[in-house]
Amino acid sequence: MTSLAARRLPWGQCQNARDLGGLPTLDGRTIRPLALIRSDNHDRLGETGVVALRQAGIRRVVDLRSGWEAERFPSPLRDDPEYLNVPLFDEADTEGRDLVQAAETVLEVYRIMLERYPRQVVSALRAIAGAPTGGVAVHCHAGKDRTGVVVALALQVAGVAPEVIAADFALTDECLGRHYAEELAAVPEGEGRARLPSFQQARADTMLALFGHLRGTYGSVETYLRSGGMEDETFVHLRDRLRA
């Protein structure tokens, strides 16, 4: 697998921008360079970051943040016709929000996300599959959880092995050290601060366990996505645009 140093992208002040290009697929192919980028919040791009994004050939931006996040921390690309805000959480689902807040592990958060919002997950994958020719940049706030799950599913559809996906997911911790420290420092002393570090981890075994959950519950990732309404053509387009 191509090294993290080779895949990280110097996009302004973004800490977690990296190319998924070069990841191998099970059929001997690879993910096409600059076809799919994962990153943290684009309000960190600045002018130089926007220029770098354009130079990388990015044609569509898929912002997985909730509406209030997109308003509070606006993307400099928000007026671009190929900027799509595709929230992964249903803001009207107060029960789901409470379940996420009460979750004791990152894996539990991911399972809640997938079980409650399959149609939102599929909408995010459709946005990637249906983009104009060129690259797609997917981001949320830190580029860890929502982005991590959507990118993992996209890579699985493209034929990347779960172990390779999980290893890439774990590289997030190397990218977000400064973000984690700043986030922790901003939280007052108390129970919330004490439990935060356990959620500031992108562990390979977490992603592998999530794939195991999907296999055990649905039989496969593909069956899960079909339960959320994903069509044959979206699977085909996603594979075609991501693989070299």
C-alpha atoms as a PDB file:
ATOM      1  CA  MET A   1       0.000   0.000   0.000  1.00  0.00           C
ATOM      2  CA  THR A   2       1.295   3.465  -0.895  1.00  0.00           C
ATOM      3  CA  SER A   3       2.750   5.231   2.154  1.00  0.00           C
ATOM      4  CA  LEU A   4       0.805   7.807   4.135  1.00  0.00           C
ATOM      5  CA  ALA A   5       3.453  10.436   3.407  1.00  0.00           C
ATOM      6  CA  ALA A   6       2.958   9.934  -0.320  1.00  0.00           C
ATOM      7  CA  ARG A   7      -0.821  10.202  -0.061  1.00  0.00           C
ATOM      8  CA  ARG A   8      -1.232  13.157   2.308  1.00  0.00           C
ATOM      9  CA  LEU A   9      -2.242  16.357   0.569  1.00  0.00           C
ATOM     10  CA  PRO A  10      -1.056  19.847   1.598  1.00  0.00           C
ATOM     11  CA  TRP A  11      -4.446  21.508   1.401  1.00  0.00           C
ATOM     12  CA  GLY A  12      -4.171  24.711   3.424  1.00  0.00           C
ATOM     13  CA  GLN A  13      -4.643  23.966   7.126  1.00  0.00           C
ATOM     14  CA  CYS A  14      -6.456  20.669   6.567  1.00  0.00           C
ATOM     15  CA  GLN A  15      -4.793  18.014   8.708  1.00  0.00           C
ATOM     16  CA  ASN A  16      -6.448  14.879   7.366  1.00  0.00           C
ATOM     17  CA  ALA A  17      -6.560  15.338   3.585  1.00  0.00           C
ATOM     18  CA  ARG A  18      -5.296  12.254   1.810  1.00  0.00           C
ATOM     19  CA  ASP A  19      -5.639  10.460  -1.491  1.00  0.00           C
ATOM     20  CA  LEU A  20      -7.061   6.931  -1.529  1.00  0.00           C
ATOM     21  CA  GLY A  21      -5.311   6.313  -4.837  1.00  0.00           C
ATOM     22  CA  GLY A  22      -3.035   3.309  -4.962  1.00  0.00           C
ATOM     23  CA  LEU A  23      -4.978   1.100  -2.568  1.00  0.00           C
ATOM     24  CA  PRO A  24      -5.088  -2.410  -4.070  1.00  0.00           C
ATOM     25  CA  THR A  25      -8.270  -4.256  -4.957  1.00  0.00           C
ATOM     26  CA  LEU A  26      -8.832  -7.987  -4.641  1.00  0.00           C
ATOM     27  CA  ASP A  27      -8.862  -8.452  -8.422  1.00  0.00           C
ATOM     28  CA  GLY A  28      -5.358  -7.059  -8.847  1.00  0.00           C
ATOM     29  CA  ARG A  29      -6.300  -3.507  -9.753  1.00  0.00           C
ATOM     30  CA  THR A  30      -5.884  -0.328  -7.675  1.00  0.00           C
ATOM     31  CA  ILE A  31      -7.865   2.747  -6.736  1.00  0.00           C
ATOM     32  CA  ARG A  32      -7.154   5.445  -9.301  1.00  0.00           C
ATOM     33  CA  PRO A  33      -4.934   8.304  -8.063  1.00  0.00           C
ATOM     34  CA  LEU A  34      -6.945  11.377  -7.035  1.00  0.00           C
ATOM     35  CA  ALA A  35     -10.268   9.674  -7.774  1.00  0.00           C
ATOM     36  CA  LEU A  36     -11.343   9.781  -4.120  1.00  0.00           C
ATOM     37  CA  ILE A  37      -9.984  12.113  -1.461  1.00  0.00           C
ATOM     38  CA  ARG A  38     -10.913  12.064   2.207  1.00  0.00           C
ATOM     39  CA  SER A  39     -10.364  15.109   4.400  1.00  0.00           C
ATOM     40  CA  ASP A  40     -11.354  17.124   7.396  1.00  0.00           C
ATOM     41  CA  ASN A  41     -13.417  20.319   7.387  1.00  0.00           C
ATOM     42  CA  HIS A  42     -12.931  22.475   4.288  1.00  0.00           C
ATOM     43  CA  ASP A  43     -13.233  25.678   6.277  1.00  0.00           C
ATOM     44  CA  ARG A  44      -9.545  24.960   6.930  1.00  0.00           C
ATOM     45  CA  LEU A  45      -8.653  25.114   3.236  1.00  0.00           C
ATOM     46  CA  GLY A  46      -8.035  28.829   2.862  1.00  0.00           C
ATOM     47  CA  GLU A  47      -7.147  30.276  -0.540  1.00  0.00           C
ATOM     48  CA  THR A  48      -4.079  28.091  -1.030  1.00  0.00           C
ATOM     49  CA  GLY A  49      -6.043  24.966  -0.139  1.00  0.00           C
ATOM     50  CA  VAL A  50      -8.790  25.781  -2.638  1.00  0.00           C
ATOM     51  CA  VAL A  51      -6.168  26.263  -5.344  1.00  0.00           C
ATOM     52  CA  ALA A  52      -4.549  22.935  -4.442  1.00  0.00           C
ATOM     53  CA  LEU A  53      -7.921  21.191  -4.514  1.00  0.00           C
ATOM     54  CA  ARG A  54      -8.649  22.578  -7.972  1.00  0.00           C
ATOM     55  CA  GLN A  55      -5.198  21.635  -9.220  1.00  0.00           C
ATOM     56  CA  ALA A  56      -5.785  18.076  -8.009  1.00  0.00           C
ATOM     57  CA  GLY A  57      -8.699  17.831 -10.437  1.00  0.00           C
ATOM     58  CA  ILE A  58     -11.448  17.638  -7.820  1.00  0.00           C
ATOM     59  CA  ARG A  59     -14.789  18.106  -9.542  1.00  0.00           C
ATOM     60  CA  ARG A  60     -17.224  17.370  -6.734  1.00  0.00           C
ATOM     61  CA  VAL A  61     -17.172  17.956  -2.980  1.00  0.00           C
ATOM     62  CA  VAL A  62     -19.409  15.787  -0.786  1.00  0.00           C
ATOM     63  CA  ASP A  63     -19.877  17.420   2.624  1.00  0.00           C
ATOM     64  CA  LEU A  64     -21.289  14.925   5.126  1.00  0.00           C
ATOM     65  CA  ARG A  65     -21.823  17.442   7.909  1.00  0.00           C
ATOM     66  CA  SER A  66     -25.205  18.405   9.296  1.00  0.00           C
ATOM     67  CA  GLY A  67     -26.787  21.627   8.081  1.00  0.00           C
ATOM     68  CA  TRP A  68     -25.943  23.562  11.226  1.00  0.00           C
ATOM     69  CA  GLU A  69     -22.261  22.597  10.908  1.00  0.00           C
ATOM     70  CA  ALA A  70     -22.151  23.696   7.295  1.00  0.00           C
ATOM     71  CA  GLU A  71     -23.632  27.055   8.309  1.00  0.00           C
ATOM     72  CA  ARG A  72     -21.377  27.584  11.326  1.00  0.00           C
ATOM     73  CA  PHE A  73     -18.184  26.484   9.559  1.00  0.00           C
ATOM     74  CA  PRO A  74     -18.953  27.265   5.904  1.00  0.00           C
ATOM     75  CA  SER A  75     -16.970  25.672   3.106  1.00  0.00           C
ATOM     76  CA  PRO A  76     -15.285  28.151   0.746  1.00  0.00           C
ATOM     77  CA  LEU A  77     -16.690  25.941  -2.025  1.00  0.00           C
ATOM     78  CA  ARG A  78     -20.303  26.166  -0.895  1.00  0.00           C
ATOM     79  CA  ASP A  79     -21.350  28.217  -3.933  1.00  0.00           C
ATOM     80  CA  ASP A  80     -19.828  25.762  -6.391  1.00  0.00           C
ATOM     81  CA  PRO A  81     -22.584  23.853  -8.264  1.00  0.00           C
ATOM     82  CA  GLU A  82     -20.706  20.603  -7.563  1.00  0.00           C
ATOM     83  CA  TYR A  83     -20.579  21.194  -3.804  1.00  0.00           C
ATOM     84  CA  LEU A  84     -23.143  18.863  -2.231  1.00  0.00           C
ATOM     85  CA  ASN A  85     -24.127  18.917   1.429  1.00  0.00           C
ATOM     86  CA  VAL A  86     -25.279  15.342   2.103  1.00  0.00           C
ATOM     87  CA  PRO A  87     -25.801  15.071   5.892  1.00  0.00           C
ATOM     88  CA  LEU A  88     -25.204  11.583   7.210  1.00  0.00           C
ATOM     89  CA  PHE A  89     -27.328  12.141  10.307  1.00  0.00           C
ATOM     90  CA  ASP A  90     -31.014  13.023  10.328  1.00  0.00           C
ATOM     91  CA  GLU A  91     -31.155  16.210  12.396  1.00  0.00           C
ATOM     92  CA  ALA A  92     -34.847  15.617  13.160  1.00  0.00           C
ATOM     93  CA  ASP A  93     -34.074  12.227  14.700  1.00  0.00           C
ATOM     94  CA  THR A  94     -33.733  13.227  18.353  1.00  0.00           C
ATOM     95  CA  GLU A  95     -33.821   9.607  19.484  1.00  0.00           C
ATOM     96  CA  GLY A  96     -30.887   8.792  17.233  1.00  0.00           C
ATOM     97  CA  ARG A  97     -28.966  11.789  18.534  1.00  0.00           C
ATOM     98  CA  ASP A  98     -29.539  10.633  22.121  1.00  0.00           C
ATOM     99  CA  LEU A  99     -28.361   7.129  21.250  1.00  0.00           C
ATOM    100  CA  VAL A 100     -25.172   8.496  19.707  1.00  0.00           C
ATOM    101  CA  GLN A 101     -24.507  10.707  22.720  1.00  0.00           C
ATOM    102  CA  ALA A 102     -25.003   7.755  25.055  1.00  0.00           C
ATOM    103  CA  ALA A 103     -22.795   5.410  23.027  1.00  0.00           C
ATOM    104  CA  GLU A 104     -19.850   3.969  24.916  1.00  0.00           C
ATOM    105  CA  THR A 105     -17.608   3.127  21.960  1.00  0.00           C
ATOM    106  CA  VAL A 106     -16.796   4.421  18.494  1.00  0.00           C
ATOM    107  CA  LEU A 107     -18.012   1.127  17.058  1.00  0.00           C
ATOM    108  CA  GLU A 108     -21.396   1.637  18.719  1.00  0.00           C
ATOM    109  CA  VAL A 109     -21.666   5.087  17.113  1.00  0.00           C
ATOM    110  CA  TYR A 110     -20.908   3.615  13.694  1.00  0.00           C
ATOM    111  CA  ARG A 111     -23.449   0.841  14.132  1.00  0.00           C
ATOM    112  CA  ILE A 112     -26.136   3.361  15.125  1.00  0.00           C
ATOM    113  CA  MET A 113     -25.242   5.464  12.095  1.00  0.00           C
ATOM    114  CA  LEU A 114     -25.556   2.560   9.675  1.00  0.00           C
ATOM    115  CA  GLU A 115     -28.683   1.057  11.205  1.00  0.00           C
ATOM    116  CA  ARG A 116     -30.660   4.290  11.477  1.00  0.00           C
ATOM    117  CA  TYR A 117     -29.535   6.090   8.336  1.00  0.00           C
ATOM    118  CA  PRO A 118     -29.003   3.626   5.467  1.00  0.00           C
ATOM    119  CA  ARG A 119     -30.668   5.968   2.969  1.00  0.00           C
ATOM    120  CA  GLN A 120     -28.368   8.830   3.926  1.00  0.00           C
ATOM    121  CA  VAL A 121     -25.376   6.522   3.531  1.00  0.00           C
ATOM    122  CA  VAL A 122     -26.590   5.498   0.073  1.00  0.00           C
ATOM    123  CA  SER A 123     -27.184   9.145  -0.859  1.00  0.00           C
ATOM    124  CA  ALA A 124     -23.535   9.890  -0.040  1.00  0.00           C
ATOM    125  CA  LEU A 125     -22.348   6.992  -2.211  1.00  0.00           C
ATOM    126  CA  ARG A 126     -24.624   8.105  -5.059  1.00  0.00           C
ATOM    127  CA  ALA A 127     -23.058  11.561  -4.834  1.00  0.00           C
ATOM    128  CA  ILE A 128     -19.626   9.992  -5.318  1.00  0.00           C
ATOM    129  CA  ALA A 129     -20.726   7.629  -8.089  1.00  0.00           C
ATOM    130  CA  GLY A 130     -22.589  10.318 -10.034  1.00  0.00           C
ATOM    131  CA  ALA A 131     -19.895  12.995  -9.976  1.00  0.00           C
ATOM    132  CA  PRO A 132     -18.518  14.530 -13.175  1.00  0.00           C
ATOM    133  CA  THR A 133     -15.312  13.079 -14.600  1.00  0.00           C
ATOM    134  CA  GLY A 134     -12.476  13.886 -12.212  1.00  0.00           C
ATOM    135  CA  GLY A 135     -11.945  13.512  -8.480  1.00  0.00           C
ATOM    136  CA  VAL A 136     -14.333  13.572  -5.546  1.00  0.00           C
ATOM    137  CA  ALA A 137     -13.448  14.970  -2.123  1.00  0.00           C
ATOM    138  CA  VAL A 138     -15.469  13.637   0.813  1.00  0.00           C
ATOM    139  CA  HIS A 139     -15.281  15.340   4.200  1.00  0.00           C
ATOM    140  CA  CYS A 140     -17.034  15.919   7.489  1.00  0.00           C
ATOM    141  CA  HIS A 141     -15.587  17.739  10.517  1.00  0.00           C
ATOM    142  CA  ALA A 142     -12.443  15.790  11.365  1.00  0.00           C
ATOM    143  CA  GLY A 143     -12.637  13.404   8.416  1.00  0.00           C
ATOM    144  CA  LYS A 144     -12.659  10.459  10.811  1.00  0.00           C
ATOM    145  CA  ASP A 145     -16.103   9.053  11.612  1.00  0.00           C
ATOM    146  CA  ARG A 146     -18.688   9.964   8.975  1.00  0.00           C
ATOM    147  CA  THR A 147     -16.055  10.257   6.285  1.00  0.00           C
ATOM    148  CA  GLY A 148     -14.373   7.094   7.518  1.00  0.00           C
ATOM    149  CA  VAL A 149     -17.549   5.042   7.239  1.00  0.00           C
ATOM    150  CA  VAL A 150     -18.625   6.371   3.824  1.00  0.00           C
ATOM    151  CA  VAL A 151     -15.134   6.001   2.355  1.00  0.00           C
ATOM    152  CA  ALA A 152     -14.858   2.482   3.788  1.00  0.00           C
ATOM    153  CA  LEU A 153     -18.087   1.430   2.103  1.00  0.00           C
ATOM    154  CA  ALA A 154     -17.085   3.050  -1.196  1.00  0.00           C
ATOM    155  CA  LEU A 155     -13.753   1.236  -1.142  1.00  0.00           C
ATOM    156  CA  GLN A 156     -15.448  -2.054  -0.293  1.00  0.00           C
ATOM    157  CA  VAL A 157     -17.778  -1.662  -3.285  1.00  0.00           C
ATOM    158  CA  ALA A 158     -14.695  -0.982  -5.433  1.00  0.00           C
ATOM    159  CA  GLY A 159     -13.185  -4.277  -4.276  1.00  0.00           C
ATOM    160  CA  VAL A 160     -10.635  -3.208  -1.661  1.00  0.00           C
ATOM    161  CA  ALA A 161     -10.139  -5.796   1.079  1.00  0.00           C
ATOM    162  CA  PRO A 162     -11.496  -4.977   4.558  1.00  0.00           C
ATOM    163  CA  GLU A 163      -7.996  -5.317   6.051  1.00  0.00           C
ATOM    164  CA  VAL A 164      -6.616  -2.706   3.639  1.00  0.00           C
ATOM    165  CA  ILE A 165      -9.526  -0.365   4.332  1.00  0.00           C
ATOM    166  CA  ALA A 166      -9.048  -0.783   8.082  1.00  0.00           C
ATOM    167  CA  ALA A 167      -5.324  -0.063   7.810  1.00  0.00           C
ATOM    168  CA  ASP A 168      -6.018   3.151   5.916  1.00  0.00           C
ATOM    169  CA  PHE A 169      -8.670   4.132   8.464  1.00  0.00           C
ATOM    170  CA  ALA A 170      -6.117   3.740  11.259  1.00  0.00           C
ATOM    171  CA  LEU A 171      -3.786   6.248   9.577  1.00  0.00           C
ATOM    172  CA  THR A 172      -6.290   8.932  10.590  1.00  0.00           C
ATOM    173  CA  ASP A 173      -4.759   9.021  14.066  1.00  0.00           C
ATOM    174  CA  GLU A 174      -1.372   9.964  12.583  1.00  0.00           C
ATOM    175  CA  CYS A 175      -2.978  12.879  10.771  1.00  0.00           C
ATOM    176  CA  LEU A 176      -5.169  14.252  13.550  1.00  0.00           C
ATOM    177  CA  GLY A 177      -2.804  14.513  16.519  1.00  0.00           C
ATOM    178  CA  ARG A 178      -3.030  18.309  16.633  1.00  0.00           C
ATOM    179  CA  HIS A 179      -6.793  18.262  16.115  1.00  0.00           C
ATOM    180  CA  TYR A 180      -7.252  15.767  18.953  1.00  0.00           C
ATOM    181  CA  ALA A 181      -5.166  17.903  21.314  1.00  0.00           C
ATOM    182  CA  GLU A 182      -7.046  21.095  20.448  1.00  0.00           C
ATOM    183  CA  GLU A 183     -10.405  19.332  20.776  1.00  0.00           C
ATOM    184  CA  LEU A 184      -9.520  17.905  24.189  1.00  0.00           C
ATOM    185  CA  ALA A 185      -8.205  21.229  25.462  1.00  0.00           C
ATOM    186  CA  ALA A 186     -11.519  22.906  24.562  1.00  0.00           C
ATOM    187  CA  VAL A 187     -13.596  20.531  26.721  1.00  0.00           C
ATOM    188  CA  PRO A 188     -14.059  21.447  30.422  1.00  0.00           C
ATOM    189  CA  GLU A 189     -12.895  19.049  33.094  1.00  0.00           C
ATOM    190  CA  GLY A 190     -15.485  16.403  33.909  1.00  0.00           C
ATOM    191  CA  GLU A 191     -16.949  13.168  32.661  1.00  0.00           C
ATOM    192  CA  GLY A 192     -17.169  14.364  29.062  1.00  0.00           C
ATOM    193  CA  ARG A 193     -13.467  15.241  28.975  1.00  0.00           C
ATOM    194  CA  ALA A 194     -12.502  11.969  30.621  1.00  0.00           C
ATOM    195  CA  ARG A 195     -14.260   9.851  28.012  1.00  0.00           C
ATOM    196  CA  LEU A 196     -13.307  11.912  24.940  1.00  0.00           C
ATOM    197  CA  PRO A 197      -9.901  10.272  24.292  1.00  0.00           C
ATOM    198  CA  SER A 198     -11.549   6.890  23.779  1.00  0.00           C
ATOM    199  CA  PHE A 199     -13.550   8.433  20.923  1.00  0.00           C
ATOM    200  CA  GLN A 200     -10.445  10.071  19.448  1.00  0.00           C
ATOM    201  CA  GLN A 201      -9.211   6.803  18.044  1.00  0.00           C
ATOM    202  CA  ALA A 202      -9.379   5.384  14.530  1.00  0.00           C
ATOM    203  CA  ARG A 203      -8.558   1.768  15.274  1.00  0.00           C
ATOM    204  CA  ALA A 204      -8.256  -0.830  12.545  1.00  0.00           C
ATOM    205  CA  ASP A 205     -10.131  -3.368  14.656  1.00  0.00           C
ATOM    206  CA  THR A 206     -13.072  -0.962  14.935  1.00  0.00           C
ATOM    207  CA  MET A 207     -13.474  -0.867  11.164  1.00  0.00           C
ATOM    208  CA  LEU A 208     -13.029  -4.638  10.869  1.00  0.00           C
ATOM    209  CA  ALA A 209     -15.691  -5.124  13.545  1.00  0.00           C
ATOM    210  CA  LEU A 210     -18.032  -2.839  11.611  1.00  0.00           C
ATOM    211  CA  PHE A 211     -17.590  -4.935   8.477  1.00  0.00           C
ATOM    212  CA  GLY A 212     -18.200  -8.008  10.616  1.00  0.00           C
ATOM    213  CA  HIS A 213     -21.428  -6.471  11.898  1.00  0.00           C
ATOM    214  CA  LEU A 214     -22.654  -5.827   8.351  1.00  0.00           C
ATOM    215  CA  ARG A 215     -21.794  -9.350   7.252  1.00  0.00           C
ATOM    216  CA  GLY A 216     -23.437 -10.873  10.312  1.00  0.00           C
ATOM    217  CA  THR A 217     -26.601  -8.776  10.049  1.00  0.00           C
ATOM    218  CA  TYR A 218     -27.080  -8.437   6.284  1.00  0.00           C
ATOM    219  CA  GLY A 219     -24.829 -11.065   4.748  1.00  0.00           C
ATOM    220  CA  SER A 220     -22.679  -8.506   2.914  1.00  0.00           C
ATOM    221  CA  VAL A 221     -21.995  -4.807   2.475  1.00  0.00           C
ATOM    222  CA  GLU A 222     -23.796  -4.938  -0.868  1.00  0.00           C
ATOM    223  CA  THR A 223     -26.963  -6.330   0.716  1.00  0.00           C
ATOM    224  CA  TYR A 224     -26.858  -3.620   3.388  1.00  0.00           C
ATOM    225  CA  LEU A 225     -26.564  -0.907   0.732  1.00  0.00           C
ATOM    226  CA  ARG A 226     -29.404  -2.409  -1.288  1.00  0.00           C
ATOM    227  CA  SER A 227     -31.553  -2.228   1.849  1.00  0.00           C
ATOM    228  CA  GLY A 228     -30.947   1.522   1.750  1.00  0.00           C
ATOM    229  CA  GLY A 229     -32.061   1.748  -1.869  1.00  0.00           C
ATOM    230  CA  MET A 230     -28.777   1.515  -3.757  1.00  0.00           C
ATOM    231  CA  GLU A 231     -29.317   0.550  -7.369  1.00  0.00           C
ATOM    232  CA  ASP A 232     -27.283  -1.716  -9.679  1.00  0.00           C
ATOM    233  CA  GLU A 233     -26.127   1.258 -11.736  1.00  0.00           C
ATOM    234  CA  THR A 234     -24.736   3.027  -8.679  1.00  0.00           C
ATOM    235  CA  PHE A 235     -22.603   0.001  -7.814  1.00  0.00           C
ATOM    236  CA  VAL A 236     -21.334  -0.095 -11.411  1.00  0.00           C
ATOM    237  CA  HIS A 237     -20.615   3.640 -11.616  1.00  0.00           C
ATOM    238  CA  LEU A 238     -18.869   3.659  -8.250  1.00  0.00           C
ATOM    239  CA  ARG A 239     -16.568   0.791  -9.228  1.00  0.00           C
ATOM    240  CA  ASP A 240     -15.849   2.272 -12.660  1.00  0.00           C
ATOM    241  CA  ARG A 241     -14.927   5.727 -11.397  1.00  0.00           C
ATOM    242  CA  LEU A 242     -12.723   4.539  -8.513  1.00  0.00           C
ATOM    243  CA  ARG A 243     -10.678   1.733 -10.073  1.00  0.00           C
ATOM    244  CA  ALA A 244      -7.668   2.293 -12.294  1.00  0.00           C
END
